PDB file of N, CA and C in Angstrom:
ATOM      1  N   MET A   1      10.759  15.675 -45.165  1.00  0.00           N
ATOM      2  CA  MET A   1      10.101  16.943 -44.947  1.00  0.00           C
ATOM      3  C   MET A   1       8.645  16.804 -45.371  1.00  0.00           C
ATOM      4  N   ALA A   2       7.733  17.316 -44.568  1.00  0.00           N
ATOM      5  CA  ALA A   2       6.312  17.212 -44.871  1.00  0.00           C
ATOM      6  C   ALA A   2       5.951  18.173 -45.984  1.00  0.00           C
ATOM      7  N   GLU A   3       5.023  17.725 -46.821  1.00  0.00           N
ATOM      8  CA  GLU A   3       4.570  18.560 -47.929  1.00  0.00           C
ATOM      9  C   GLU A   3       3.584  19.588 -47.399  1.00  0.00           C
ATOM     10  N   GLU A   4       3.760  20.844 -47.770  1.00  0.00           N
ATOM     11  CA  GLU A   4       2.884  21.904 -47.292  1.00  0.00           C
ATOM     12  C   GLU A   4       1.630  21.947 -48.149  1.00  0.00           C
ATOM     13  N   ASN A   5       0.482  22.084 -47.509  1.00  0.00           N
ATOM     14  CA  ASN A   5      -0.784  22.188 -48.207  1.00  0.00           C
ATOM     15  C   ASN A   5      -0.920  23.605 -48.736  1.00  0.00           C
ATOM     16  N   SER A   6      -1.050  23.757 -50.057  1.00  0.00           N
ATOM     17  CA  SER A   6      -1.105  25.088 -50.639  1.00  0.00           C
ATOM     18  C   SER A   6      -2.538  25.584 -50.806  1.00  0.00           C
ATOM     19  N   THR A   7      -3.528  24.768 -50.469  1.00  0.00           N
ATOM     20  CA  THR A   7      -4.916  25.182 -50.586  1.00  0.00           C
ATOM     21  C   THR A   7      -5.315  25.940 -49.341  1.00  0.00           C
ATOM     22  N   LYS A   8      -5.815  27.162 -49.531  1.00  0.00           N
ATOM     23  CA  LYS A   8      -6.244  27.976 -48.405  1.00  0.00           C
ATOM     24  C   LYS A   8      -7.713  28.307 -48.574  1.00  0.00           C
ATOM     25  N   MET A   9      -8.404  28.395 -47.455  1.00  0.00           N
ATOM     26  CA  MET A   9      -9.786  28.826 -47.477  1.00  0.00           C
ATOM     27  C   MET A   9      -9.803  30.342 -47.480  1.00  0.00           C
ATOM     28  N   PRO A  10     -10.814  30.976 -48.140  1.00  0.00           N
ATOM     29  CA  PRO A  10     -10.902  32.430 -48.106  1.00  0.00           C
ATOM     30  C   PRO A  10     -10.986  32.917 -46.668  1.00  0.00           C
ATOM     31  N   GLY A  11     -10.215  33.977 -46.370  1.00  0.00           N
ATOM     32  CA  GLY A  11     -10.225  34.543 -45.035  1.00  0.00           C
ATOM     33  C   GLY A  11      -9.372  33.784 -44.041  1.00  0.00           C
ATOM     34  N   HIS A  12      -8.610  32.781 -44.503  1.00  0.00           N
ATOM     35  CA  HIS A  12      -7.758  31.995 -43.626  1.00  0.00           C
ATOM     36  C   HIS A  12      -6.321  32.047 -44.130  1.00  0.00           C
ATOM     37  N   SER A  13      -5.394  31.937 -43.214  1.00  0.00           N
ATOM     38  CA  SER A  13      -3.993  31.848 -43.601  1.00  0.00           C
ATOM     39  C   SER A  13      -3.324  30.862 -42.664  1.00  0.00           C
ATOM     40  N   LEU A  14      -2.190  30.351 -43.068  1.00  0.00           N
ATOM     41  CA  LEU A  14      -1.487  29.401 -42.219  1.00  0.00           C
ATOM     42  C   LEU A  14      -0.778  30.133 -41.095  1.00  0.00           C
ATOM     43  N   SER A  15      -0.735  29.518 -39.943  1.00  0.00           N
ATOM     44  CA  SER A  15      -0.027  30.100 -38.807  1.00  0.00           C
ATOM     45  C   SER A  15       1.465  30.033 -39.083  1.00  0.00           C
ATOM     46  N   PRO A  16       2.302  30.752 -38.319  1.00  0.00           N
ATOM     47  CA  PRO A  16       3.742  30.710 -38.542  1.00  0.00           C
ATOM     48  C   PRO A  16       4.288  29.281 -38.517  1.00  0.00           C
ATOM     49  N   ALA A  17       3.710  28.411 -37.715  1.00  0.00           N
ATOM     50  CA  ALA A  17       4.173  27.031 -37.661  1.00  0.00           C
ATOM     51  C   ALA A  17       3.719  26.254 -38.888  1.00  0.00           C
ATOM     52  N   GLY A  18       2.728  26.780 -39.613  1.00  0.00           N
ATOM     53  CA  GLY A  18       2.259  26.148 -40.830  1.00  0.00           C
ATOM     54  C   GLY A  18       1.319  24.989 -40.590  1.00  0.00           C
ATOM     55  N   ASP A  19       0.847  24.807 -39.353  1.00  0.00           N
ATOM     56  CA  ASP A  19       0.041  23.634 -39.082  1.00  0.00           C
ATOM     57  C   ASP A  19      -1.439  23.907 -38.863  1.00  0.00           C
ATOM     58  N   ALA A  20      -1.828  25.077 -38.442  1.00  0.00           N
ATOM     59  CA  ALA A  20      -3.236  25.342 -38.181  1.00  0.00           C
ATOM     60  C   ALA A  20      -3.657  26.634 -38.867  1.00  0.00           C
ATOM     61  N   PRO A  21      -4.856  26.660 -39.451  1.00  0.00           N
ATOM     62  CA  PRO A  21      -5.306  27.894 -40.091  1.00  0.00           C
ATOM     63  C   PRO A  21      -5.638  28.958 -39.061  1.00  0.00           C
ATOM     64  N   LYS A  22      -5.373  30.193 -39.420  1.00  0.00           N
ATOM     65  CA  LYS A  22      -5.695  31.334 -38.579  1.00  0.00           C
ATOM     66  C   LYS A  22      -6.762  32.141 -39.305  1.00  0.00           C
ATOM     67  N   VAL A  23      -7.872  32.430 -38.668  1.00  0.00           N
ATOM     68  CA  VAL A  23      -8.962  33.157 -39.306  1.00  0.00           C
ATOM     69  C   VAL A  23      -8.623  34.643 -39.351  1.00  0.00           C
ATOM     70  N   ASP A  24      -8.800  35.265 -40.526  1.00  0.00           N
ATOM     71  CA  ASP A  24      -8.645  36.708 -40.672  1.00  0.00           C
ATOM     72  C   ASP A  24      -9.987  37.302 -40.261  1.00  0.00           C
ATOM     73  N   ASP A  25     -10.112  37.657 -38.991  1.00  0.00           N
ATOM     74  CA  ASP A  25     -11.383  38.097 -38.448  1.00  0.00           C
ATOM     75  C   ASP A  25     -11.894  39.336 -39.167  1.00  0.00           C
ATOM     76  N   ALA A  26     -13.167  39.266 -39.527  1.00  0.00           N
ATOM     77  CA  ALA A  26     -13.815  40.421 -40.117  1.00  0.00           C
ATOM     78  C   ALA A  26     -14.102  41.432 -39.014  1.00  0.00           C
ATOM     79  N   THR A  27     -13.933  42.696 -39.331  1.00  0.00           N
ATOM     80  CA  THR A  27     -14.254  43.767 -38.395  1.00  0.00           C
ATOM     81  C   THR A  27     -15.167  44.755 -39.101  1.00  0.00           C
ATOM     82  N   VAL A  28     -15.810  45.598 -38.325  1.00  0.00           N
ATOM     83  CA  VAL A  28     -16.709  46.587 -38.909  1.00  0.00           C
ATOM     84  C   VAL A  28     -15.874  47.678 -39.568  1.00  0.00           C
ATOM     85  N   ARG A  29     -16.224  47.968 -40.789  1.00  0.00           N
ATOM     86  CA  ARG A  29     -15.547  49.031 -41.543  1.00  0.00           C
ATOM     87  C   ARG A  29     -16.605  49.967 -42.107  1.00  0.00           C
ATOM     88  N   ILE A  30     -16.272  51.220 -42.183  1.00  0.00           N
ATOM     89  CA  ILE A  30     -17.160  52.219 -42.763  1.00  0.00           C
ATOM     90  C   ILE A  30     -16.700  52.455 -44.201  1.00  0.00           C
ATOM     91  N   VAL A  31     -17.642  52.351 -45.133  1.00  0.00           N
ATOM     92  CA  VAL A  31     -17.343  52.499 -46.553  1.00  0.00           C
ATOM     93  C   VAL A  31     -18.057  53.751 -47.056  1.00  0.00           C
ATOM     94  N   TYR A  32     -17.284  54.736 -47.502  1.00  0.00           N
ATOM     95  CA  TYR A  32     -17.848  55.971 -48.045  1.00  0.00           C
ATOM     96  C   TYR A  32     -17.936  55.824 -49.556  1.00  0.00           C
ATOM     97  N   THR A  33     -19.108  56.169 -50.104  1.00  0.00           N
ATOM     98  CA  THR A  33     -19.313  55.991 -51.546  1.00  0.00           C
ATOM     99  C   THR A  33     -19.755  57.288 -52.205  1.00  0.00           C
ATOM    100  N   ASP A  34     -19.535  57.346 -53.501  1.00  0.00           N
ATOM    101  CA  ASP A  34     -20.001  58.437 -54.352  1.00  0.00           C
ATOM    102  C   ASP A  34     -21.005  57.806 -55.307  1.00  0.00           C
ATOM    103  N   VAL A  35     -22.271  57.846 -54.927  1.00  0.00           N
ATOM    104  CA  VAL A  35     -23.326  57.187 -55.695  1.00  0.00           C
ATOM    105  C   VAL A  35     -23.642  58.001 -56.940  1.00  0.00           C
ATOM    106  N   PRO A  36     -23.644  57.347 -58.105  1.00  0.00           N
ATOM    107  CA  PRO A  36     -23.997  58.069 -59.333  1.00  0.00           C
ATOM    108  C   PRO A  36     -25.394  58.689 -59.224  1.00  0.00           C
ATOM    109  N   GLU A  37     -25.548  59.873 -59.799  1.00  0.00           N
ATOM    110  CA  GLU A  37     -26.817  60.588 -59.743  1.00  0.00           C
ATOM    111  C   GLU A  37     -27.950  59.731 -60.298  1.00  0.00           C
ATOM    112  N   GLY A  38     -29.056  59.745 -59.581  1.00  0.00           N
ATOM    113  CA  GLY A  38     -30.240  59.020 -60.027  1.00  0.00           C
ATOM    114  C   GLY A  38     -30.254  57.551 -59.638  1.00  0.00           C
ATOM    115  N   GLU A  39     -29.201  57.086 -59.000  1.00  0.00           N
ATOM    116  CA  GLU A  39     -29.128  55.676 -58.605  1.00  0.00           C
ATOM    117  C   GLU A  39     -29.515  55.520 -57.136  1.00  0.00           C
ATOM    118  N   ASP A  40     -30.190  54.428 -56.812  1.00  0.00           N
ATOM    119  CA  ASP A  40     -30.581  54.141 -55.440  1.00  0.00           C
ATOM    120  C   ASP A  40     -29.317  53.839 -54.626  1.00  0.00           C
ATOM    121  N   PRO A  41     -29.074  54.595 -53.537  1.00  0.00           N
ATOM    122  CA  PRO A  41     -27.847  54.402 -52.758  1.00  0.00           C
ATOM    123  C   PRO A  41     -27.678  52.988 -52.192  1.00  0.00           C
ATOM    124  N   GLU A  42     -28.731  52.403 -51.642  1.00  0.00           N
ATOM    125  CA  GLU A  42     -28.612  51.062 -51.066  1.00  0.00           C
ATOM    126  C   GLU A  42     -28.309  50.019 -52.140  1.00  0.00           C
ATOM    127  N   ALA A  43     -28.944  50.149 -53.303  1.00  0.00           N
ATOM    128  CA  ALA A  43     -28.689  49.212 -54.405  1.00  0.00           C
ATOM    129  C   ALA A  43     -27.240  49.336 -54.876  1.00  0.00           C
ATOM    130  N   PHE A  44     -26.732  50.577 -54.940  1.00  0.00           N
ATOM    131  CA  PHE A  44     -25.349  50.806 -55.343  1.00  0.00           C
ATOM    132  C   PHE A  44     -24.386  50.178 -54.341  1.00  0.00           C
ATOM    133  N   ASP A  45     -24.662  50.385 -53.040  1.00  0.00           N
ATOM    134  CA  ASP A  45     -23.817  49.817 -51.987  1.00  0.00           C
ATOM    135  C   ASP A  45     -23.764  48.297 -52.101  1.00  0.00           C
ATOM    136  N   LEU A  46     -24.928  47.665 -52.238  1.00  0.00           N
ATOM    137  CA  LEU A  46     -24.978  46.207 -52.318  1.00  0.00           C
ATOM    138  C   LEU A  46     -24.274  45.679 -53.564  1.00  0.00           C
ATOM    139  N   ARG A  47     -24.441  46.374 -54.677  1.00  0.00           N
ATOM    140  CA  ARG A  47     -23.782  45.939 -55.914  1.00  0.00           C
ATOM    141  C   ARG A  47     -22.261  46.047 -55.790  1.00  0.00           C
ATOM    142  N   SER A  48     -21.788  47.132 -55.186  1.00  0.00           N
ATOM    143  CA  SER A  48     -20.339  47.315 -54.989  1.00  0.00           C
ATOM    144  C   SER A  48     -19.774  46.226 -54.087  1.00  0.00           C
ATOM    145  N   LEU A  49     -20.478  45.937 -53.007  1.00  0.00           N
ATOM    146  CA  LEU A  49     -20.024  44.932 -52.061  1.00  0.00           C
ATOM    147  C   LEU A  49     -20.144  43.524 -52.631  1.00  0.00           C
ATOM    148  N   ALA A  50     -21.201  43.258 -53.399  1.00  0.00           N
ATOM    149  CA  ALA A  50     -21.384  41.939 -54.016  1.00  0.00           C
ATOM    150  C   ALA A  50     -20.259  41.619 -54.997  1.00  0.00           C
ATOM    151  N   ALA A  51     -19.701  42.639 -55.629  1.00  0.00           N
ATOM    152  CA  ALA A  51     -18.591  42.424 -56.561  1.00  0.00           C
ATOM    153  C   ALA A  51     -17.376  41.852 -55.844  1.00  0.00           C
ATOM    154  N   VAL A  52     -17.247  42.139 -54.550  1.00  0.00           N
ATOM    155  CA  VAL A  52     -16.118  41.657 -53.754  1.00  0.00           C
ATOM    156  C   VAL A  52     -16.467  40.353 -53.034  1.00  0.00           C
ATOM    157  N   LEU A  53     -17.676  40.269 -52.506  1.00  0.00           N
ATOM    158  CA  LEU A  53     -18.063  39.112 -51.704  1.00  0.00           C
ATOM    159  C   LEU A  53     -18.623  37.955 -52.524  1.00  0.00           C
ATOM    160  N   GLY A  54     -18.961  38.212 -53.782  1.00  0.00           N
ATOM    161  CA  GLY A  54     -19.383  37.125 -54.662  1.00  0.00           C
ATOM    162  C   GLY A  54     -20.874  36.983 -54.878  1.00  0.00           C
ATOM    163  N   SER A  55     -21.706  37.600 -54.039  1.00  0.00           N
ATOM    164  CA  SER A  55     -23.147  37.511 -54.260  1.00  0.00           C
ATOM    165  C   SER A  55     -23.855  38.643 -53.526  1.00  0.00           C
ATOM    166  N   GLU A  56     -25.059  38.953 -54.004  1.00  0.00           N
ATOM    167  CA  GLU A  56     -25.857  39.975 -53.353  1.00  0.00           C
ATOM    168  C   GLU A  56     -26.277  39.511 -51.960  1.00  0.00           C
ATOM    169  N   GLN A  57     -26.538  38.220 -51.813  1.00  0.00           N
ATOM    170  CA  GLN A  57     -26.925  37.678 -50.507  1.00  0.00           C
ATOM    171  C   GLN A  57     -25.802  37.856 -49.490  1.00  0.00           C
ATOM    172  N   ALA A  58     -24.565  37.559 -49.886  1.00  0.00           N
ATOM    173  CA  ALA A  58     -23.423  37.743 -48.988  1.00  0.00           C
ATOM    174  C   ALA A  58     -23.262  39.215 -48.626  1.00  0.00           C
ATOM    175  N   ALA A  59     -23.513  40.105 -49.589  1.00  0.00           N
ATOM    176  CA  ALA A  59     -23.426  41.544 -49.326  1.00  0.00           C
ATOM    177  C   ALA A  59     -24.485  41.964 -48.318  1.00  0.00           C
ATOM    178  N   LYS A  60     -25.718  41.482 -48.492  1.00  0.00           N
ATOM    179  CA  LYS A  60     -26.801  41.821 -47.561  1.00  0.00           C
ATOM    180  C   LYS A  60     -26.470  41.346 -46.146  1.00  0.00           C
ATOM    181  N   GLU A  61     -25.863  40.176 -46.032  1.00  0.00           N
ATOM    182  CA  GLU A  61     -25.519  39.629 -44.725  1.00  0.00           C
ATOM    183  C   GLU A  61     -24.378  40.402 -44.056  1.00  0.00           C
ATOM    184  N   ALA A  62     -23.486  40.974 -44.853  1.00  0.00           N
ATOM    185  CA  ALA A  62     -22.338  41.700 -44.306  1.00  0.00           C
ATOM    186  C   ALA A  62     -22.678  43.122 -43.873  1.00  0.00           C
ATOM    187  N   VAL A  63     -23.670  43.740 -44.540  1.00  0.00           N
ATOM    188  CA  VAL A  63     -24.008  45.136 -44.250  1.00  0.00           C
ATOM    189  C   VAL A  63     -24.696  45.248 -42.895  1.00  0.00           C
ATOM    190  N   ILE A  64     -24.233  46.205 -42.116  1.00  0.00           N
ATOM    191  CA  ILE A  64     -24.803  46.475 -40.803  1.00  0.00           C
ATOM    192  C   ILE A  64     -25.735  47.681 -40.860  1.00  0.00           C
ATOM    193  N   TYR A  65     -25.353  48.688 -41.649  1.00  0.00           N
ATOM    194  CA  TYR A  65     -26.108  49.931 -41.690  1.00  0.00           C
ATOM    195  C   TYR A  65     -25.800  50.670 -42.990  1.00  0.00           C
ATOM    196  N   HIS A  66     -26.819  51.330 -43.545  1.00  0.00           N
ATOM    197  CA  HIS A  66     -26.627  52.197 -44.711  1.00  0.00           C
ATOM    198  C   HIS A  66     -26.709  53.650 -44.245  1.00  0.00           C
ATOM    199  N   TYR A  67     -25.702  54.445 -44.568  1.00  0.00           N
ATOM    200  CA  TYR A  67     -25.702  55.869 -44.238  1.00  0.00           C
ATOM    201  C   TYR A  67     -26.370  56.621 -45.379  1.00  0.00           C
ATOM    202  N   LYS A  68     -27.333  57.516 -45.033  1.00  0.00           N
ATOM    203  CA  LYS A  68     -28.090  58.199 -46.077  1.00  0.00           C
ATOM    204  C   LYS A  68     -28.141  59.709 -45.901  1.00  0.00           C
ATOM    205  N   GLU A  69     -27.945  60.195 -44.694  1.00  0.00           N
ATOM    206  CA  GLU A  69     -28.158  61.618 -44.428  1.00  0.00           C
ATOM    207  C   GLU A  69     -26.879  62.449 -44.575  1.00  0.00           C
ATOM    208  N   ALA A  70     -25.993  62.362 -43.619  1.00  0.00           N
ATOM    209  CA  ALA A  70     -24.798  63.206 -43.609  1.00  0.00           C
ATOM    210  C   ALA A  70     -23.712  62.689 -44.543  1.00  0.00           C
ATOM    211  N   ALA A  71     -23.733  61.397 -44.791  1.00  0.00           N
ATOM    212  CA  ALA A  71     -22.728  60.788 -45.667  1.00  0.00           C
ATOM    213  C   ALA A  71     -23.399  59.701 -46.474  1.00  0.00           C
ATOM    214  N   SER A  72     -22.773  59.325 -47.554  1.00  0.00           N
ATOM    215  CA  SER A  72     -23.285  58.235 -48.375  1.00  0.00           C
ATOM    216  C   SER A  72     -22.339  57.061 -48.224  1.00  0.00           C
ATOM    217  N   GLY A  73     -22.896  55.920 -47.832  1.00  0.00           N
ATOM    218  CA  GLY A  73     -22.063  54.741 -47.663  1.00  0.00           C
ATOM    219  C   GLY A  73     -22.731  53.737 -46.757  1.00  0.00           C
ATOM    220  N   PHE A  74     -21.913  52.856 -46.187  1.00  0.00           N
ATOM    221  CA  PHE A  74     -22.457  51.802 -45.343  1.00  0.00           C
ATOM    222  C   PHE A  74     -21.389  51.274 -44.408  1.00  0.00           C
ATOM    223  N   ALA A  75     -21.847  50.561 -43.382  1.00  0.00           N
ATOM    224  CA  ALA A  75     -20.960  49.857 -42.462  1.00  0.00           C
ATOM    225  C   ALA A  75     -21.145  48.378 -42.733  1.00  0.00           C
ATOM    226  N   ALA A  76     -20.040  47.626 -42.763  1.00  0.00           N
ATOM    227  CA  ALA A  76     -20.120  46.192 -43.040  1.00  0.00           C
ATOM    228  C   ALA A  76     -18.988  45.456 -42.345  1.00  0.00           C
ATOM    229  N   ASN A  77     -19.220  44.191 -42.068  1.00  0.00           N
ATOM    230  CA  ASN A  77     -18.168  43.318 -41.543  1.00  0.00           C
ATOM    231  C   ASN A  77     -17.314  42.857 -42.715  1.00  0.00           C
ATOM    232  N   LEU A  78     -16.037  43.221 -42.714  1.00  0.00           N
ATOM    233  CA  LEU A  78     -15.129  42.887 -43.808  1.00  0.00           C
ATOM    234  C   LEU A  78     -13.766  42.480 -43.263  1.00  0.00           C
ATOM    235  N   THR A  79     -13.127  41.554 -43.958  1.00  0.00           N
ATOM    236  CA  THR A  79     -11.742  41.228 -43.638  1.00  0.00           C
ATOM    237  C   THR A  79     -10.847  42.307 -44.239  1.00  0.00           C
ATOM    238  N   SER A  80      -9.594  42.299 -43.886  1.00  0.00           N
ATOM    239  CA  SER A  80      -8.641  43.270 -44.442  1.00  0.00           C
ATOM    240  C   SER A  80      -8.561  43.143 -45.955  1.00  0.00           C
ATOM    241  N   LYS A  81      -8.525  41.920 -46.435  1.00  0.00           N
ATOM    242  CA  LYS A  81      -8.431  41.688 -47.881  1.00  0.00           C
ATOM    243  C   LYS A  81      -9.688  42.179 -48.597  1.00  0.00           C
ATOM    244  N   GLN A  82     -10.857  41.910 -48.024  1.00  0.00           N
ATOM    245  CA  GLN A  82     -12.103  42.369 -48.629  1.00  0.00           C
ATOM    246  C   GLN A  82     -12.163  43.895 -48.648  1.00  0.00           C
ATOM    247  N   ALA A  83     -11.719  44.522 -47.573  1.00  0.00           N
ATOM    248  CA  ALA A  83     -11.705  45.989 -47.509  1.00  0.00           C
ATOM    249  C   ALA A  83     -10.791  46.563 -48.584  1.00  0.00           C
ATOM    250  N   GLU A  84      -9.644  45.934 -48.779  1.00  0.00           N
ATOM    251  CA  GLU A  84      -8.703  46.393 -49.803  1.00  0.00           C
ATOM    252  C   GLU A  84      -9.318  46.250 -51.199  1.00  0.00           C
ATOM    253  N   GLU A  85      -9.940  45.115 -51.469  1.00  0.00           N
ATOM    254  CA  GLU A  85     -10.575  44.892 -52.771  1.00  0.00           C
ATOM    255  C   GLU A  85     -11.728  45.869 -52.995  1.00  0.00           C
ATOM    256  N   LEU A  86     -12.529  46.091 -51.954  1.00  0.00           N
ATOM    257  CA  LEU A  86     -13.666  46.998 -52.072  1.00  0.00           C
ATOM    258  C   LEU A  86     -13.207  48.419 -52.359  1.00  0.00           C
ATOM    259  N   SER A  87     -12.099  48.821 -51.770  1.00  0.00           N
ATOM    260  CA  SER A  87     -11.603  50.194 -51.974  1.00  0.00           C
ATOM    261  C   SER A  87     -11.236  50.463 -53.431  1.00  0.00           C
ATOM    262  N   LYS A  88     -11.054  49.419 -54.231  1.00  0.00           N
ATOM    263  CA  LYS A  88     -10.702  49.561 -55.647  1.00  0.00           C
ATOM    264  C   LYS A  88     -11.932  49.618 -56.556  1.00  0.00           C
ATOM    265  N   GLN A  89     -13.127  49.417 -55.982  1.00  0.00           N
ATOM    266  CA  GLN A  89     -14.353  49.423 -56.778  1.00  0.00           C
ATOM    267  C   GLN A  89     -14.724  50.843 -57.192  1.00  0.00           C
ATOM    268  N   PRO A  90     -15.267  51.011 -58.408  1.00  0.00           N
ATOM    269  CA  PRO A  90     -15.699  52.342 -58.837  1.00  0.00           C
ATOM    270  C   PRO A  90     -16.757  52.897 -57.887  1.00  0.00           C
ATOM    271  N   GLY A  91     -16.619  54.150 -57.537  1.00  0.00           N
ATOM    272  CA  GLY A  91     -17.583  54.805 -56.676  1.00  0.00           C
ATOM    273  C   GLY A  91     -17.297  54.662 -55.195  1.00  0.00           C
ATOM    274  N   VAL A  92     -16.327  53.828 -54.828  1.00  0.00           N
ATOM    275  CA  VAL A  92     -15.956  53.697 -53.421  1.00  0.00           C
ATOM    276  C   VAL A  92     -14.849  54.710 -53.148  1.00  0.00           C
ATOM    277  N   LEU A  93     -15.138  55.641 -52.259  1.00  0.00           N
ATOM    278  CA  LEU A  93     -14.186  56.711 -51.964  1.00  0.00           C
ATOM    279  C   LEU A  93     -13.165  56.303 -50.917  1.00  0.00           C
ATOM    280  N   GLN A  94     -13.639  55.598 -49.881  1.00  0.00           N
ATOM    281  CA  GLN A  94     -12.744  55.269 -48.772  1.00  0.00           C
ATOM    282  C   GLN A  94     -13.347  54.136 -47.954  1.00  0.00           C
ATOM    283  N   VAL A  95     -12.492  53.260 -47.435  1.00  0.00           N
ATOM    284  CA  VAL A  95     -12.893  52.194 -46.519  1.00  0.00           C
ATOM    285  C   VAL A  95     -12.020  52.333 -45.281  1.00  0.00           C
ATOM    286  N   VAL A  96     -12.658  52.573 -44.143  1.00  0.00           N
ATOM    287  CA  VAL A  96     -11.912  52.796 -42.904  1.00  0.00           C
ATOM    288  C   VAL A  96     -12.471  51.932 -41.781  1.00  0.00           C
ATOM    289  N   PRO A  97     -11.614  51.546 -40.835  1.00  0.00           N
ATOM    290  CA  PRO A  97     -12.114  50.798 -39.682  1.00  0.00           C
ATOM    291  C   PRO A  97     -13.074  51.657 -38.867  1.00  0.00           C
ATOM    292  N   SER A  98     -14.101  51.042 -38.331  1.00  0.00           N
ATOM    293  CA  SER A  98     -15.021  51.743 -37.452  1.00  0.00           C
ATOM    294  C   SER A  98     -14.343  51.932 -36.099  1.00  0.00           C
ATOM    295  N   ARG A  99     -14.485  53.106 -35.521  1.00  0.00           N
ATOM    296  CA  ARG A  99     -13.897  53.380 -34.212  1.00  0.00           C
ATOM    297  C   ARG A  99     -14.943  54.028 -33.328  1.00  0.00           C
ATOM    298  N   THR A 100     -14.885  53.736 -32.059  1.00  0.00           N
ATOM    299  CA  THR A 100     -15.728  54.393 -31.073  1.00  0.00           C
ATOM    300  C   THR A 100     -14.829  55.287 -30.239  1.00  0.00           C
ATOM    301  N   LEU A 101     -15.149  56.551 -30.225  1.00  0.00           N
ATOM    302  CA  LEU A 101     -14.357  57.508 -29.472  1.00  0.00           C
ATOM    303  C   LEU A 101     -15.145  57.972 -28.256  1.00  0.00           C
ATOM    304  N   GLN A 102     -14.466  58.110 -27.140  1.00  0.00           N
ATOM    305  CA  GLN A 102     -15.092  58.611 -25.929  1.00  0.00           C
ATOM    306  C   GLN A 102     -14.525  59.992 -25.670  1.00  0.00           C
ATOM    307  N   LEU A 103     -15.390  60.985 -25.622  1.00  0.00           N
ATOM    308  CA  LEU A 103     -14.938  62.359 -25.469  1.00  0.00           C
ATOM    309  C   LEU A 103     -14.393  62.652 -24.081  1.00  0.00           C
ATOM    310  N   HIS A 104     -15.024  62.109 -23.067  1.00  0.00           N
ATOM    311  CA  HIS A 104     -14.585  62.347 -21.704  1.00  0.00           C
ATOM    312  C   HIS A 104     -14.626  61.046 -20.933  1.00  0.00           C
ATOM    313  N   GLU A 105     -13.663  60.878 -20.077  1.00  0.00           N
ATOM    314  CA  GLU A 105     -13.672  59.741 -19.168  1.00  0.00           C
ATOM    315  C   GLU A 105     -14.732  60.007 -18.115  1.00  0.00           C
ATOM    316  N   PRO A 106     -15.471  58.997 -17.680  1.00  0.00           N
ATOM    317  CA  PRO A 106     -16.503  59.218 -16.649  1.00  0.00           C
ATOM    318  C   PRO A 106     -15.960  59.911 -15.402  1.00  0.00           C
ATOM    319  N   ASP A 107     -14.741  59.572 -14.971  1.00  0.00           N
ATOM    320  CA  ASP A 107     -14.152  60.205 -13.786  1.00  0.00           C
ATOM    321  C   ASP A 107     -13.935  61.699 -14.003  1.00  0.00           C
ATOM    322  N   THR A 108     -13.542  62.074 -15.210  1.00  0.00           N
ATOM    323  CA  THR A 108     -13.293  63.481 -15.529  1.00  0.00           C
ATOM    324  C   THR A 108     -14.592  64.271 -15.458  1.00  0.00           C
ATOM    325  N   VAL A 109     -15.653  63.701 -15.993  1.00  0.00           N
ATOM    326  CA  VAL A 109     -16.959  64.389 -15.992  1.00  0.00           C
ATOM    327  C   VAL A 109     -17.438  64.574 -14.556  1.00  0.00           C
ATOM    328  N   GLN A 110     -17.282  63.541 -13.712  1.00  0.00           N
ATOM    329  CA  GLN A 110     -17.687  63.665 -12.310  1.00  0.00           C
ATOM    330  C   GLN A 110     -16.835  64.697 -11.587  1.00  0.00           C
ATOM    331  N   ALA A 111     -15.544  64.715 -11.842  1.00  0.00           N
ATOM    332  CA  ALA A 111     -14.647  65.660 -11.187  1.00  0.00           C
ATOM    333  C   ALA A 111     -15.001  67.105 -11.545  1.00  0.00           C
ATOM    334  N   MET A 112     -15.551  67.292 -12.743  1.00  0.00           N
ATOM    335  CA  MET A 112     -15.934  68.624 -13.178  1.00  0.00           C
ATOM    336  C   MET A 112     -17.271  69.046 -12.556  1.00  0.00           C
ATOM    337  N   GLY A 113     -17.935  68.121 -11.861  1.00  0.00           N
ATOM    338  CA  GLY A 113     -19.201  68.439 -11.233  1.00  0.00           C
ATOM    339  C   GLY A 113     -20.371  68.425 -12.182  1.00  0.00           C
ATOM    340  N   VAL A 114     -20.187  67.832 -13.353  1.00  0.00           N
ATOM    341  CA  VAL A 114     -21.257  67.785 -14.337  1.00  0.00           C
ATOM    342  C   VAL A 114     -22.294  66.749 -13.970  1.00  0.00           C
ATOM    343  N   MET A 115     -21.853  65.654 -13.354  1.00  0.00           N
ATOM    344  CA  MET A 115     -22.787  64.569 -13.021  1.00  0.00           C
ATOM    345  C   MET A 115     -23.117  64.567 -11.559  1.00  0.00           C
TER     346      MET A 115
END
């Protein structure tokens, strides 16, 4: 019987056959935060994310957008495991997958005579 390699790379797992690594693809997630009063929101976001990703540079590279007006938080590329770890950080209220919703199908809008 072949010996199984127990060393895994971060973000990788063994396939069911156990022979090839499968990448845990990062997806865009929206992270809602409760920034302590008087603290810079972007600095807080980066510090929270750096605690999970291991460095401020990695956090800067993962962040896509900082929300400042209607909500406090940011969008970042994260794996499922990173999202779970981040959700446990102080000041992180919620981590959710980013979704794009379409209110009307183009055919419906045309049928209504709007276009």
